[in-house]
N, C-alpha and C. Protein backbone atom coordinates (compact mmCIF):
# COMPACT_ATOMS: atom_id res chain seq x y z
N MET A 1 -66.71 -150.17 2.58
CA MET A 1 -65.58 -150.25 3.50
C MET A 1 -66.04 -150.01 4.93
N SER A 2 -66.95 -149.08 5.15
CA SER A 2 -67.43 -148.76 6.49
C SER A 2 -68.03 -149.99 7.16
N GLY A 3 -68.75 -150.80 6.42
CA GLY A 3 -69.35 -152.02 6.97
C GLY A 3 -68.30 -153.00 7.45
N GLU A 4 -67.18 -153.10 6.73
CA GLU A 4 -66.09 -153.99 7.14
C GLU A 4 -65.45 -153.51 8.43
N ILE A 5 -65.26 -152.19 8.54
CA ILE A 5 -64.67 -151.62 9.75
C ILE A 5 -65.62 -151.80 10.92
N ASP A 6 -66.91 -151.55 10.71
CA ASP A 6 -67.90 -151.75 11.76
C ASP A 6 -67.89 -153.20 12.25
N ALA A 7 -67.77 -154.16 11.34
CA ALA A 7 -67.77 -155.57 11.72
C ALA A 7 -66.59 -155.91 12.61
N VAL A 8 -65.44 -155.30 12.36
CA VAL A 8 -64.25 -155.56 13.16
C VAL A 8 -64.41 -154.98 14.57
N PHE A 9 -64.97 -153.79 14.67
CA PHE A 9 -65.04 -153.08 15.95
C PHE A 9 -66.37 -153.21 16.68
N GLU A 10 -67.35 -153.91 16.12
CA GLU A 10 -68.69 -153.92 16.72
C GLU A 10 -68.71 -154.49 18.14
N ARG A 11 -67.81 -155.38 18.48
CA ARG A 11 -67.79 -155.94 19.84
C ARG A 11 -67.35 -154.91 20.88
N MET A 12 -66.67 -153.85 20.44
CA MET A 12 -66.23 -152.80 21.37
C MET A 12 -67.24 -151.67 21.48
N PHE A 13 -68.18 -151.56 20.54
CA PHE A 13 -69.15 -150.46 20.57
C PHE A 13 -69.95 -150.50 21.86
N GLY A 14 -70.05 -149.36 22.53
CA GLY A 14 -70.83 -149.24 23.75
C GLY A 14 -70.09 -149.63 25.02
N LEU A 15 -68.89 -150.21 24.89
CA LEU A 15 -68.11 -150.57 26.07
C LEU A 15 -67.34 -149.36 26.58
N PRO A 16 -67.16 -149.26 27.89
CA PRO A 16 -66.36 -148.13 28.40
C PRO A 16 -64.90 -148.27 27.98
N CYS A 17 -64.29 -147.14 27.69
CA CYS A 17 -62.87 -147.11 27.35
C CYS A 17 -62.11 -146.65 28.59
N TRP A 18 -61.04 -147.35 28.95
CA TRP A 18 -60.28 -147.03 30.15
C TRP A 18 -58.81 -147.37 29.91
N GLY A 19 -57.96 -146.93 30.82
CA GLY A 19 -56.55 -147.26 30.73
C GLY A 19 -55.90 -146.77 29.45
N VAL A 20 -56.27 -145.57 29.02
CA VAL A 20 -55.69 -145.01 27.79
C VAL A 20 -54.23 -144.65 28.08
N HIS A 21 -53.34 -145.11 27.22
CA HIS A 21 -51.91 -144.88 27.42
C HIS A 21 -51.25 -144.55 26.09
N TRP A 22 -50.41 -143.51 26.09
CA TRP A 22 -49.66 -143.17 24.90
C TRP A 22 -48.18 -143.27 25.21
N ASP A 23 -47.43 -143.84 24.27
CA ASP A 23 -45.99 -143.97 24.41
C ASP A 23 -45.39 -143.73 23.03
N ALA A 24 -44.30 -142.99 22.97
CA ALA A 24 -43.67 -142.68 21.68
C ALA A 24 -43.19 -143.94 20.96
N GLN A 25 -42.84 -144.98 21.70
CA GLN A 25 -42.35 -146.21 21.09
C GLN A 25 -43.47 -147.10 20.57
N THR A 26 -44.58 -147.19 21.32
CA THR A 26 -45.64 -148.16 20.97
C THR A 26 -46.92 -147.53 20.47
N GLY A 27 -47.08 -146.22 20.56
CA GLY A 27 -48.28 -145.57 20.06
C GLY A 27 -49.34 -145.43 21.13
N LEU A 28 -50.59 -145.41 20.71
CA LEU A 28 -51.73 -145.20 21.59
C LEU A 28 -52.40 -146.53 21.89
N ARG A 29 -52.66 -146.80 23.19
CA ARG A 29 -53.32 -148.05 23.60
C ARG A 29 -54.59 -147.68 24.35
N LEU A 30 -55.72 -148.27 23.93
CA LEU A 30 -57.01 -148.05 24.59
C LEU A 30 -57.58 -149.40 24.99
N ASN A 31 -58.05 -149.52 26.23
CA ASN A 31 -58.64 -150.75 26.74
C ASN A 31 -60.16 -150.61 26.77
N PHE A 32 -60.86 -151.69 26.41
CA PHE A 32 -62.32 -151.72 26.41
C PHE A 32 -62.78 -152.99 27.12
N GLY A 33 -63.95 -152.92 27.76
CA GLY A 33 -64.54 -154.11 28.36
C GLY A 33 -63.97 -154.45 29.73
N GLU A 34 -64.26 -155.68 30.17
CA GLU A 34 -63.85 -156.13 31.50
C GLU A 34 -62.33 -156.22 31.61
N PRO A 35 -61.77 -155.73 32.72
CA PRO A 35 -60.32 -155.83 32.92
C PRO A 35 -59.91 -157.25 33.32
N HIS A 36 -58.69 -157.63 32.97
CA HIS A 36 -58.10 -158.89 33.44
C HIS A 36 -56.60 -158.70 33.63
N LEU A 37 -56.04 -159.51 34.49
CA LEU A 37 -54.62 -159.43 34.80
C LEU A 37 -53.83 -160.42 33.96
N GLU A 38 -52.69 -159.99 33.48
CA GLU A 38 -51.72 -160.88 32.84
C GLU A 38 -50.48 -160.86 33.72
N THR A 39 -50.10 -162.03 34.22
CA THR A 39 -48.97 -162.15 35.14
C THR A 39 -47.88 -163.00 34.52
N ARG A 40 -46.65 -162.52 34.61
CA ARG A 40 -45.49 -163.32 34.19
C ARG A 40 -44.64 -163.52 35.43
N GLU A 41 -44.40 -164.76 35.76
CA GLU A 41 -43.60 -165.09 36.94
C GLU A 41 -42.13 -164.81 36.66
N PRO A 42 -41.33 -164.60 37.72
CA PRO A 42 -39.89 -164.36 37.54
C PRO A 42 -39.21 -165.55 36.88
N LYS A 43 -38.14 -165.28 36.16
CA LYS A 43 -37.36 -166.32 35.48
C LYS A 43 -35.92 -166.25 35.94
N GLU A 44 -35.31 -167.41 36.01
CA GLU A 44 -33.88 -167.46 36.32
C GLU A 44 -33.10 -167.00 35.10
N MET A 45 -32.19 -166.08 35.33
CA MET A 45 -31.38 -165.55 34.23
C MET A 45 -29.91 -165.66 34.61
N PRO A 46 -29.04 -165.87 33.62
CA PRO A 46 -27.61 -165.88 33.91
C PRO A 46 -27.18 -164.53 34.47
N PRO A 47 -26.22 -164.50 35.38
CA PRO A 47 -25.80 -163.23 36.00
C PRO A 47 -25.30 -162.19 34.99
N GLU A 48 -24.74 -162.63 33.87
CA GLU A 48 -24.20 -161.69 32.89
C GLU A 48 -25.27 -161.18 31.91
N SER A 49 -26.49 -161.69 32.01
CA SER A 49 -27.55 -161.30 31.09
C SER A 49 -27.98 -159.85 31.30
N ARG A 50 -28.14 -159.12 30.20
CA ARG A 50 -28.62 -157.74 30.29
C ARG A 50 -30.11 -157.70 30.62
N LEU A 51 -30.81 -158.82 30.46
CA LEU A 51 -32.24 -158.88 30.73
C LEU A 51 -32.55 -159.31 32.17
N LYS A 52 -31.51 -159.53 32.96
CA LYS A 52 -31.69 -160.02 34.32
C LYS A 52 -32.63 -159.13 35.13
N THR A 53 -32.45 -157.82 35.09
CA THR A 53 -33.30 -156.93 35.89
C THR A 53 -34.74 -156.94 35.40
N LEU A 54 -34.97 -157.24 34.14
CA LEU A 54 -36.32 -157.27 33.59
C LEU A 54 -37.05 -158.55 33.97
N TYR A 55 -36.36 -159.69 33.90
CA TYR A 55 -37.02 -160.98 34.06
C TYR A 55 -36.94 -161.58 35.46
N THR A 56 -36.19 -161.03 36.37
CA THR A 56 -36.10 -161.61 37.71
C THR A 56 -37.19 -161.11 38.64
N TYR A 57 -38.10 -160.29 38.14
CA TYR A 57 -39.23 -159.81 38.93
C TYR A 57 -40.53 -160.27 38.29
N ARG A 58 -41.55 -160.40 39.12
CA ARG A 58 -42.89 -160.73 38.62
C ARG A 58 -43.42 -159.51 37.87
N SER A 59 -44.06 -159.74 36.76
CA SER A 59 -44.65 -158.68 35.95
C SER A 59 -46.16 -158.86 35.93
N VAL A 60 -46.90 -157.82 36.31
CA VAL A 60 -48.36 -157.88 36.32
C VAL A 60 -48.89 -156.67 35.55
N HIS A 61 -49.76 -156.91 34.57
CA HIS A 61 -50.35 -155.84 33.77
C HIS A 61 -51.86 -156.04 33.72
N VAL A 62 -52.59 -154.95 33.70
CA VAL A 62 -54.05 -154.99 33.58
C VAL A 62 -54.40 -154.61 32.15
N TYR A 63 -55.18 -155.47 31.49
CA TYR A 63 -55.63 -155.21 30.13
C TYR A 63 -57.14 -155.38 30.07
N GLY A 64 -57.75 -154.76 29.10
CA GLY A 64 -59.18 -154.91 28.88
C GLY A 64 -59.48 -156.18 28.10
N GLU A 65 -60.75 -156.49 28.03
CA GLU A 65 -61.21 -157.63 27.22
C GLU A 65 -60.78 -157.41 25.77
N TRP A 66 -60.79 -156.14 25.37
CA TRP A 66 -60.34 -155.73 24.04
C TRP A 66 -59.30 -154.63 24.20
N VAL A 67 -58.23 -154.71 23.45
CA VAL A 67 -57.18 -153.68 23.48
C VAL A 67 -56.98 -153.19 22.05
N LEU A 68 -57.09 -151.89 21.87
CA LEU A 68 -56.89 -151.28 20.56
C LEU A 68 -55.57 -150.52 20.59
N TRP A 69 -54.63 -150.95 19.75
CA TRP A 69 -53.33 -150.27 19.61
C TRP A 69 -53.38 -149.47 18.31
N ILE A 70 -53.01 -148.20 18.40
CA ILE A 70 -52.97 -147.33 17.22
C ILE A 70 -51.55 -146.81 17.12
N ASP A 71 -50.91 -147.08 16.01
CA ASP A 71 -49.53 -146.66 15.79
C ASP A 71 -49.49 -145.65 14.65
N GLY A 72 -48.58 -144.72 14.72
CA GLY A 72 -48.43 -143.74 13.66
C GLY A 72 -48.45 -142.32 14.21
N LEU A 73 -48.52 -141.36 13.31
CA LEU A 73 -48.58 -139.95 13.71
C LEU A 73 -50.04 -139.54 13.87
N TRP A 74 -50.43 -139.31 15.12
CA TRP A 74 -51.79 -138.94 15.44
C TRP A 74 -51.77 -137.76 16.41
N ARG A 75 -52.81 -136.98 16.42
CA ARG A 75 -52.98 -135.95 17.42
C ARG A 75 -54.30 -136.21 18.10
N LEU A 76 -54.27 -136.28 19.43
CA LEU A 76 -55.46 -136.54 20.21
C LEU A 76 -55.85 -135.24 20.91
N ALA A 77 -57.09 -134.80 20.71
CA ALA A 77 -57.55 -133.55 21.30
C ALA A 77 -58.94 -133.77 21.89
N SER A 78 -59.24 -133.03 22.94
CA SER A 78 -60.57 -133.12 23.55
C SER A 78 -61.49 -132.09 22.90
N ALA A 79 -62.78 -132.21 23.16
CA ALA A 79 -63.75 -131.28 22.59
C ALA A 79 -63.55 -129.87 23.11
N THR A 80 -62.92 -129.73 24.29
CA THR A 80 -62.71 -128.41 24.86
C THR A 80 -61.38 -127.80 24.42
N SER A 81 -60.60 -128.56 23.67
CA SER A 81 -59.29 -128.08 23.20
C SER A 81 -59.47 -127.03 22.13
N ASN A 82 -58.59 -126.04 22.09
CA ASN A 82 -58.65 -125.00 21.06
C ASN A 82 -57.95 -125.39 19.77
N ARG A 83 -57.25 -126.52 19.77
CA ARG A 83 -56.49 -126.90 18.57
C ARG A 83 -57.15 -127.99 17.80
């Protein structure tokens, strides 16, 4: 099993990890490799749409070449942590 896991993640080995983000809704996100921008241009929305405030603005996000999303109950601790 370890060989299968290594094969999936081998392209990320040795790459710097950056842009670590945790959110209760989406879990833990870690970016690896070269950063790139994903841009969504504004969209015309009907005035009564509840999504109007979300889609009438340009959306720009920075992601890594590889993005690892981890969902579930996890605890993240540093080596200097007492827990």
